[in-house]
N, C-alpha and C. Protein backbone atom coordinates (compact mmCIF):
# COMPACT_ATOMS: atom_id res chain seq x y z
N MET A 1 146.66 11.71 -115.21
CA MET A 1 147.78 11.77 -113.84
C MET A 1 147.90 13.14 -113.81
N LYS A 2 148.19 14.22 -115.01
CA LYS A 2 148.07 16.00 -114.73
C LYS A 2 146.90 16.23 -113.88
N LYS A 3 145.93 16.05 -114.17
CA LYS A 3 144.29 16.38 -113.58
C LYS A 3 144.65 16.21 -112.44
N ILE A 4 144.95 14.88 -111.84
CA ILE A 4 145.45 14.81 -110.15
C ILE A 4 146.28 15.84 -109.44
N PHE A 5 147.58 16.03 -110.89
CA PHE A 5 148.87 16.55 -110.35
C PHE A 5 148.34 18.03 -109.78
N TYR A 6 147.29 18.81 -111.04
CA TYR A 6 146.79 20.23 -111.08
C TYR A 6 145.98 20.35 -109.70
N LEU A 7 145.00 19.91 -109.90
CA LEU A 7 144.23 19.26 -108.68
C LEU A 7 144.87 19.32 -106.83
N ALA A 8 146.14 18.96 -106.94
CA ALA A 8 146.46 18.30 -105.52
C ALA A 8 147.67 20.04 -105.28
N ALA A 9 147.75 20.74 -106.69
CA ALA A 9 148.40 21.80 -106.64
C ALA A 9 147.38 23.10 -106.40
N PHE A 10 146.37 22.96 -106.67
CA PHE A 10 145.77 24.07 -106.65
C PHE A 10 145.35 23.46 -104.96
N PHE A 11 144.61 22.94 -104.71
CA PHE A 11 144.46 22.61 -103.07
C PHE A 11 145.22 22.68 -102.10
N ILE A 12 146.56 22.69 -102.28
CA ILE A 12 147.78 23.11 -101.78
C ILE A 12 147.68 24.51 -101.09
N ILE A 13 147.81 24.99 -102.80
CA ILE A 13 148.30 26.74 -102.92
C ILE A 13 147.22 27.36 -102.61
N HIS A 14 145.58 26.64 -102.13
CA HIS A 14 144.54 27.18 -101.83
C HIS A 14 144.38 27.26 -100.59
N HIS A 15 144.67 26.24 -99.83
CA HIS A 15 145.50 26.09 -98.63
C HIS A 15 146.66 26.72 -97.88
N PHE A 16 147.45 27.02 -98.22
CA PHE A 16 148.39 28.20 -98.03
C PHE A 16 148.00 29.49 -97.88
N LEU A 17 147.43 29.89 -99.02
CA LEU A 17 146.57 31.17 -98.80
C LEU A 17 145.52 31.84 -98.11
N THR A 18 144.43 30.29 -98.18
CA THR A 18 143.80 30.92 -96.92
C THR A 18 144.14 31.18 -95.44
N PHE A 19 145.42 30.27 -94.46
CA PHE A 19 145.85 30.06 -93.94
C PHE A 19 146.46 31.46 -93.90
N ALA A 20 147.22 32.04 -94.81
CA ALA A 20 148.08 33.58 -95.02
C ALA A 20 147.28 34.43 -94.26
N VAL A 21 145.87 34.61 -95.44
CA VAL A 21 144.93 34.93 -94.96
C VAL A 21 144.62 35.26 -93.29
N LEU A 22 144.13 34.17 -93.00
CA LEU A 22 143.67 33.99 -91.57
C LEU A 22 144.85 34.47 -90.52
N SER A 23 145.98 34.36 -91.34
CA SER A 23 147.30 35.17 -90.03
C SER A 23 147.27 36.50 -90.59
N LYS A 24 147.46 37.24 -91.14
CA LYS A 24 147.17 38.25 -91.71
C LYS A 24 146.21 39.07 -90.93
N GLU A 25 144.92 37.86 -90.26
CA GLU A 25 143.42 38.86 -90.02
C GLU A 25 143.49 38.68 -88.74
N SER A 26 144.34 37.65 -87.94
CA SER A 26 144.56 38.04 -86.46
C SER A 26 145.70 39.04 -86.06
N LYS A 27 146.54 39.15 -87.13
CA LYS A 27 147.51 40.27 -86.59
C LYS A 27 146.79 41.58 -86.66
N PHE A 28 145.69 41.64 -87.57
CA PHE A 28 145.06 42.76 -87.52
C PHE A 28 143.79 43.12 -86.14
N LEU A 29 143.65 42.11 -85.91
CA LEU A 29 142.90 41.68 -84.37
C LEU A 29 143.49 42.30 -83.38
N ASN A 30 144.99 41.71 -83.25
CA ASN A 30 145.76 41.72 -82.33
C ASN A 30 146.48 42.98 -82.06
N LYS A 31 146.47 43.58 -82.96
CA LYS A 31 147.41 44.79 -83.06
C LYS A 31 146.08 45.94 -82.66
N GLY A 32 145.23 45.95 -83.34
CA GLY A 32 144.22 46.31 -82.70
C GLY A 32 143.73 46.42 -81.13
N VAL A 33 144.05 45.35 -80.68
CA VAL A 33 143.19 45.07 -78.84
C VAL A 33 145.02 46.07 -78.32
N GLU A 34 145.86 45.38 -78.90
CA GLU A 34 147.59 46.17 -78.09
C GLU A 34 146.81 47.46 -77.94
N LEU A 35 146.54 48.55 -79.17
CA LEU A 35 146.53 49.64 -79.20
C LEU A 35 145.39 49.93 -78.51
N PHE A 36 144.45 49.59 -78.18
CA PHE A 36 142.94 49.59 -77.87
C PHE A 36 143.50 49.43 -75.94
N ASN A 37 144.24 48.69 -75.54
CA ASN A 37 144.77 49.13 -74.33
C ASN A 37 145.64 50.06 -73.90
N LYS A 38 146.10 50.93 -74.36
CA LYS A 38 147.37 51.57 -74.80
C LYS A 38 146.34 52.89 -75.08
N LYS A 39 145.14 52.70 -74.59
CA LYS A 39 144.25 54.24 -75.16
C LYS A 39 144.60 54.97 -76.66
N GLU A 40 145.15 54.09 -77.55
CA GLU A 40 145.15 54.76 -78.80
C GLU A 40 143.93 54.14 -79.50
N PHE A 41 142.51 54.64 -79.57
CA PHE A 41 141.41 54.75 -79.91
C PHE A 41 141.45 54.67 -81.01
N GLU A 42 141.98 55.98 -82.25
CA GLU A 42 141.55 56.09 -83.60
C GLU A 42 142.65 55.06 -83.94
N LYS A 43 143.55 55.03 -83.61
CA LYS A 43 144.56 54.06 -84.24
C LYS A 43 143.90 52.56 -83.93
N SER A 44 143.50 52.32 -83.10
CA SER A 44 143.63 50.70 -83.09
C SER A 44 141.74 50.78 -83.47
N LYS A 45 141.40 51.45 -83.81
CA LYS A 45 139.78 51.57 -84.71
C LYS A 45 140.32 51.10 -86.41
N ILE A 46 141.17 51.68 -86.94
CA ILE A 46 141.32 51.28 -88.28
C ILE A 46 142.28 49.98 -87.80
N PHE A 47 142.41 49.53 -87.22
CA PHE A 47 143.21 48.12 -87.28
C PHE A 47 142.03 46.65 -86.99
N PHE A 48 140.90 47.51 -86.71
CA PHE A 48 139.39 46.29 -85.89
C PHE A 48 138.56 46.55 -87.52
N GLU A 49 138.74 47.87 -88.34
CA GLU A 49 138.21 48.10 -89.31
C GLU A 49 138.94 47.27 -90.17
N ARG A 50 140.00 47.11 -90.36
CA ARG A 50 140.52 46.40 -91.22
C ARG A 50 140.20 44.63 -91.22
N ASP A 51 140.19 43.95 -90.03
CA ASP A 51 140.29 42.78 -89.47
C ASP A 51 138.88 42.47 -90.12
N LEU A 52 137.80 43.59 -90.47
CA LEU A 52 136.14 43.43 -90.30
C LEU A 52 136.80 43.35 -92.02
N VAL A 53 137.63 43.71 -92.58
CA VAL A 53 137.66 43.87 -94.26
C VAL A 53 137.70 42.03 -94.66
N PHE A 54 138.67 41.49 -93.55
CA PHE A 54 139.15 39.51 -93.99
C PHE A 54 137.79 38.65 -93.73
N ASP A 55 137.35 39.38 -92.50
CA ASP A 55 136.41 38.03 -91.71
C ASP A 55 135.04 39.71 -91.30
N PRO A 56 134.36 39.56 -91.74
CA PRO A 56 133.04 40.11 -91.59
C PRO A 56 132.18 39.85 -90.03
N LYS A 57 132.39 38.70 -89.94
CA LYS A 57 131.83 37.89 -89.02
C LYS A 57 132.79 38.11 -87.25
N SER A 58 134.24 38.91 -87.59
CA SER A 58 134.42 39.79 -86.58
C SER A 58 133.72 40.08 -84.96
N GLU A 59 133.66 39.06 -84.35
CA GLU A 59 132.22 39.63 -82.88
C GLU A 59 133.37 40.61 -82.64
N LYS A 60 135.08 39.89 -82.48
CA LYS A 60 135.06 41.19 -81.72
C LYS A 60 135.97 42.25 -81.95
N SER A 61 136.07 42.54 -82.92
CA SER A 61 136.18 43.88 -83.47
C SER A 61 135.22 44.35 -83.95
N TYR A 62 134.04 44.27 -83.90
CA TYR A 62 132.88 44.80 -84.16
C TYR A 62 132.58 45.42 -82.27
N LEU A 63 132.82 44.57 -81.30
CA LEU A 63 132.42 44.88 -79.71
C LEU A 63 133.82 45.88 -79.59
N TYR A 64 135.08 45.48 -80.18
CA TYR A 64 135.76 47.04 -79.69
C TYR A 64 135.43 47.87 -80.14
N LEU A 65 135.20 48.09 -81.81
CA LEU A 65 134.73 49.30 -82.53
C LEU A 65 133.74 49.90 -81.31
N ALA A 66 132.77 48.99 -81.12
CA ALA A 66 130.97 49.61 -80.06
C ALA A 66 132.05 50.12 -79.03
N LYS A 67 133.21 49.58 -78.30
CA LYS A 67 133.78 50.15 -76.98
C LYS A 67 134.66 51.79 -77.15
N ILE A 68 135.54 52.18 -78.73
CA ILE A 68 135.88 53.23 -78.61
C ILE A 68 135.02 53.85 -79.21
N PHE A 69 133.56 53.56 -79.49
CA PHE A 69 132.53 54.68 -80.04
C PHE A 69 131.98 55.30 -78.74
N LYS A 70 132.08 54.21 -77.80
CA LYS A 70 131.51 54.51 -76.39
C LYS A 70 132.80 55.21 -76.01
N VAL A 71 133.57 55.23 -75.93
CA VAL A 71 134.29 55.88 -75.85
C VAL A 71 134.34 58.26 -75.94
N ASN A 72 134.61 58.05 -77.43
CA ASN A 72 133.89 58.94 -77.89
C ASN A 72 132.41 59.37 -78.59
N GLY A 73 131.83 59.12 -77.19
CA GLY A 73 130.52 59.44 -77.14
C GLY A 73 129.73 59.12 -78.15
N ASN A 74 129.82 58.36 -79.23
CA ASN A 74 129.09 58.35 -80.20
C ASN A 74 128.14 56.88 -80.29
N ASP A 75 127.15 57.45 -79.57
CA ASP A 75 125.73 56.26 -79.65
C ASP A 75 125.29 55.94 -80.56
N GLU A 76 125.35 56.63 -81.41
CA GLU A 76 124.70 55.84 -82.98
C GLU A 76 125.36 54.69 -83.07
N GLU A 77 127.02 55.10 -83.68
CA GLU A 77 127.89 53.78 -84.04
C GLU A 77 127.92 53.13 -82.95
N GLU A 78 128.26 53.27 -81.58
CA GLU A 78 128.07 52.28 -80.74
C GLU A 78 126.98 51.01 -80.77
N GLU A 79 125.68 52.04 -81.12
CA GLU A 79 124.43 50.83 -81.14
C GLU A 79 124.74 49.50 -82.66
N VAL A 80 125.00 50.80 -83.48
CA VAL A 80 124.99 49.71 -84.87
C VAL A 80 126.40 48.81 -84.28
N ASN A 81 127.44 49.02 -83.92
CA ASN A 81 128.06 47.89 -83.90
C ASN A 81 127.83 46.87 -82.29
N LEU A 82 127.39 46.97 -81.42
CA LEU A 82 126.68 46.24 -80.86
C LEU A 82 125.59 45.10 -80.95
N LYS A 83 125.18 45.69 -82.20
CA LYS A 83 123.99 45.08 -82.79
C LYS A 83 124.71 43.90 -83.86
N ASN A 84 125.71 44.49 -84.23
CA ASN A 84 126.21 43.44 -85.35
C ASN A 84 126.66 41.96 -84.39
N VAL A 85 126.99 43.01 -82.73
CA VAL A 85 127.80 41.44 -82.01
C VAL A 85 126.95 40.71 -82.19
N LEU A 86 125.80 41.23 -81.69
CA LEU A 86 124.60 40.31 -81.37
C LEU A 86 123.56 39.40 -82.49
N LEU A 87 124.37 39.94 -84.18
CA LEU A 87 123.69 39.29 -84.85
C LEU A 87 124.74 38.26 -84.93
N ILE A 88 125.69 37.93 -85.17
CA ILE A 88 126.98 37.25 -85.24
C ILE A 88 126.49 36.02 -84.00
N ASN A 89 126.40 36.51 -82.69
CA ASN A 89 126.59 36.31 -81.39
C ASN A 89 125.47 36.52 -80.68
N PRO A 90 124.05 36.30 -80.58
CA PRO A 90 122.84 36.66 -79.81
C PRO A 90 123.51 36.27 -78.13
N GLN A 91 124.25 35.95 -77.83
CA GLN A 91 124.31 35.23 -76.55
C GLN A 91 125.77 36.57 -75.94
N ASN A 92 126.24 36.96 -77.01
CA ASN A 92 127.26 37.86 -76.36
C ASN A 92 127.10 38.32 -75.12
N ASP A 93 127.13 37.99 -74.19
CA ASP A 93 126.67 38.73 -72.69
C ASP A 93 127.29 40.36 -72.61
N GLU A 94 128.62 40.35 -73.24
CA GLU A 94 129.18 41.84 -72.68
C GLU A 94 128.34 42.77 -73.76
N ALA A 95 127.86 42.34 -74.57
CA ALA A 95 127.20 43.33 -76.13
C ALA A 95 125.61 43.88 -75.61
N ILE A 96 125.63 42.77 -74.70
CA ILE A 96 123.79 42.67 -74.11
C ILE A 96 124.08 43.75 -73.42
N TYR A 97 125.52 43.38 -72.38
CA TYR A 97 125.20 44.34 -71.07
C TYR A 97 125.45 46.13 -71.43
N MET A 98 126.40 46.26 -72.42
CA MET A 98 126.48 47.39 -73.05
C MET A 98 125.69 47.99 -74.11
N LEU A 99 124.51 47.05 -74.85
CA LEU A 99 123.31 48.07 -75.46
C LEU A 99 122.51 47.86 -74.38
N THR A 100 122.24 47.54 -73.50
CA THR A 100 121.16 47.59 -71.96
C THR A 100 121.55 48.69 -71.29
N LEU A 101 123.00 49.10 -71.11
CA LEU A 101 123.24 50.55 -70.54
C LEU A 101 123.25 51.48 -71.50
N LEU A 102 123.50 51.45 -72.23
CA LEU A 102 123.22 52.48 -73.69
C LEU A 102 121.37 52.78 -73.99
N LYS A 103 120.63 51.83 -73.62
CA LYS A 103 119.32 52.20 -74.20
C LYS A 103 118.30 52.99 -72.24
N ILE A 104 119.64 52.40 -71.18
CA ILE A 104 119.21 53.04 -70.13
C ILE A 104 119.65 54.64 -70.67
N LYS A 105 120.73 55.19 -70.80
CA LYS A 105 121.25 56.32 -71.23
C LYS A 105 120.72 56.93 -72.34
N GLN A 106 119.34 56.19 -72.97
CA GLN A 106 118.81 56.84 -74.11
C GLN A 106 117.18 56.77 -73.87
N SER A 107 117.52 57.09 -72.00
CA SER A 107 115.94 56.51 -71.33
C SER A 107 114.68 55.77 -71.95
N ASP A 108 115.41 54.35 -72.81
CA ASP A 108 114.53 53.73 -73.53
C ASP A 108 114.10 52.48 -72.98
N TYR A 109 113.53 52.74 -71.11
CA TYR A 109 112.86 51.80 -70.63
C TYR A 109 112.45 50.09 -70.92
N ASP A 110 111.71 50.28 -72.27
CA ASP A 110 110.84 48.97 -72.72
C ASP A 110 112.39 47.99 -73.37
N LYS A 111 112.71 48.96 -74.09
CA LYS A 111 113.71 47.51 -74.75
C LYS A 111 114.92 47.52 -73.42
N ALA A 112 115.66 48.06 -72.96
CA ALA A 112 116.25 48.26 -71.77
C ALA A 112 115.85 46.33 -70.39
N LYS A 113 114.38 46.92 -70.47
CA LYS A 113 113.95 45.92 -69.72
C LYS A 113 114.34 44.58 -70.53
N ASP A 114 113.94 44.50 -71.73
CA ASP A 114 113.85 43.47 -72.51
C ASP A 114 115.44 42.68 -72.24
N LEU A 115 115.96 43.87 -72.53
CA LEU A 115 117.92 43.48 -73.05
C LEU A 115 117.92 42.80 -71.14
N LEU A 116 117.70 43.00 -70.16
CA LEU A 116 117.73 42.59 -69.21
C LEU A 116 117.55 41.47 -68.89
N SER A 117 116.13 41.18 -69.12
CA SER A 117 115.64 39.93 -69.53
C SER A 117 116.54 39.15 -69.98
N LYS A 118 117.05 39.31 -71.46
CA LYS A 118 117.60 38.39 -72.00
C LYS A 118 118.89 38.25 -71.42
N PHE A 119 119.95 39.39 -70.97
CA PHE A 119 121.17 39.31 -69.93
C PHE A 119 121.13 38.72 -69.20
N LEU A 120 120.11 38.10 -68.22
CA LEU A 120 119.99 37.37 -66.92
C LEU A 120 119.89 36.03 -67.55
N LEU A 121 119.64 35.48 -68.86
CA LEU A 121 119.18 34.20 -69.15
C LEU A 121 120.36 33.89 -69.90
N VAL A 122 121.32 35.17 -70.49
CA VAL A 122 122.73 34.41 -71.54
C VAL A 122 124.00 34.91 -70.00
N CYS A 123 123.73 35.46 -69.40
CA CYS A 123 124.91 36.13 -68.74
C CYS A 123 126.15 34.80 -68.21
N ASN A 124 127.36 35.25 -68.37
CA ASN A 124 128.25 33.81 -68.06
C ASN A 124 130.05 34.73 -68.11
N THR A 125 129.91 35.98 -68.36
CA THR A 125 131.21 36.83 -67.66
C THR A 125 130.83 37.77 -66.83
N PHE A 126 129.69 38.75 -67.00
CA PHE A 126 129.06 39.58 -66.85
C PHE A 126 128.04 39.17 -65.67
N CYS A 127 127.61 37.99 -65.05
CA CYS A 127 126.69 38.09 -64.59
C CYS A 127 126.49 38.87 -63.32
N SER A 128 127.83 39.58 -62.56
CA SER A 128 128.00 40.29 -61.65
C SER A 128 127.14 42.14 -61.94
N LYS A 129 126.94 42.06 -63.20
CA LYS A 129 126.32 43.14 -63.17
C LYS A 129 125.30 43.37 -63.31
N ASP A 130 124.25 42.45 -62.87
CA ASP A 130 122.78 42.72 -63.27
C ASP A 130 122.11 43.61 -62.14
N LYS A 131 122.75 43.77 -61.38
CA LYS A 131 122.48 44.56 -59.60
C LYS A 131 122.45 46.06 -60.45
N GLU A 132 124.01 46.24 -60.93
CA GLU A 132 123.57 47.77 -61.75
C GLU A 132 123.22 48.04 -62.54
N ILE A 133 123.11 47.25 -63.59
CA ILE A 133 121.73 47.31 -64.64
C ILE A 133 120.46 47.73 -64.03
N GLU A 134 120.09 46.99 -62.94
CA GLU A 134 118.59 46.89 -62.42
C GLU A 134 118.87 48.00 -61.94
N GLU A 135 119.69 48.84 -60.85
CA GLU A 135 119.86 50.02 -60.32
C GLU A 135 119.34 51.44 -61.04
N LYS A 136 120.54 51.21 -61.99
CA LYS A 136 120.15 52.18 -63.37
C LYS A 136 118.93 52.26 -63.80
N LEU A 137 118.05 51.29 -64.11
CA LEU A 137 116.81 50.79 -65.12
C LEU A 137 115.63 51.32 -64.27
N LEU A 138 116.22 51.54 -62.52
CA LEU A 138 114.65 51.53 -61.56
C LEU A 138 114.65 53.52 -61.85
N LYS A 139 115.88 53.70 -62.23
CA LYS A 139 116.06 55.50 -62.24
C LYS A 139 115.06 55.86 -63.47
N ILE A 140 114.74 55.07 -64.04
CA ILE A 140 114.06 55.70 -65.27
C ILE A 140 112.81 54.73 -65.89
N ILE A 141 112.38 54.19 -64.69
CA ILE A 141 110.71 53.45 -64.52
C ILE A 141 109.39 54.56 -64.85
N PRO A 142 109.22 54.63 -66.28
CA PRO A 142 107.96 55.57 -66.44
C PRO A 142 107.04 55.37 -65.22
N GLU A 143 106.27 56.67 -65.53
CA GLU A 143 104.93 56.72 -64.10
C GLU A 143 104.08 56.06 -64.21
N ASN A 144 103.33 55.55 -65.69
CA ASN A 144 102.71 54.30 -65.20
C ASN A 144 103.83 52.86 -64.57
N GLU A 145 104.76 52.35 -64.92
CA GLU A 145 104.82 51.18 -64.19
C GLU A 145 105.04 51.44 -62.78
N LYS A 146 105.35 52.96 -62.66
CA LYS A 146 105.79 53.03 -61.14
C LYS A 146 104.31 52.90 -60.77
N ASN A 147 103.20 53.84 -61.31
CA ASN A 147 101.55 53.31 -60.65
C ASN A 147 101.31 51.87 -60.39
N ASN A 148 101.21 50.77 -61.27
CA ASN A 148 101.59 49.41 -61.56
C ASN A 148 101.82 48.76 -60.73
N ASN A 149 103.21 48.96 -59.46
CA ASN A 149 103.53 48.70 -58.66
C ASN A 149 103.13 48.74 -57.24
């Protein structure tokens, strides 16, 4: 009988602690979004990083970190965070869109073209951005591609 009591107590405590951790983690994410919307990027970055400590699979935190690095002009860190988003959710159209624009900026025509194809397959909320991407992609077409068309 004692074993059942201890087992029940363990599960109750475990569920209570899990709930407490999850509620704290969403507080970090929510606070980060709040600060990001106020354009307090360095402060919000800290909250997104804290959220990732509690939930390393926080797609939104990685996406917001990518947005912060984009604002700061840190292409390398932006790309790392966008790739993390896509590892967690390969169909995140906003991350594909942002990564495509980054590859166009880096003049990586082949990768941008591949990402555009993927974007067109999975777009959900950013579908209206396909024309913008195509126009930017046309500006970096390599000479051998122009000659084939």
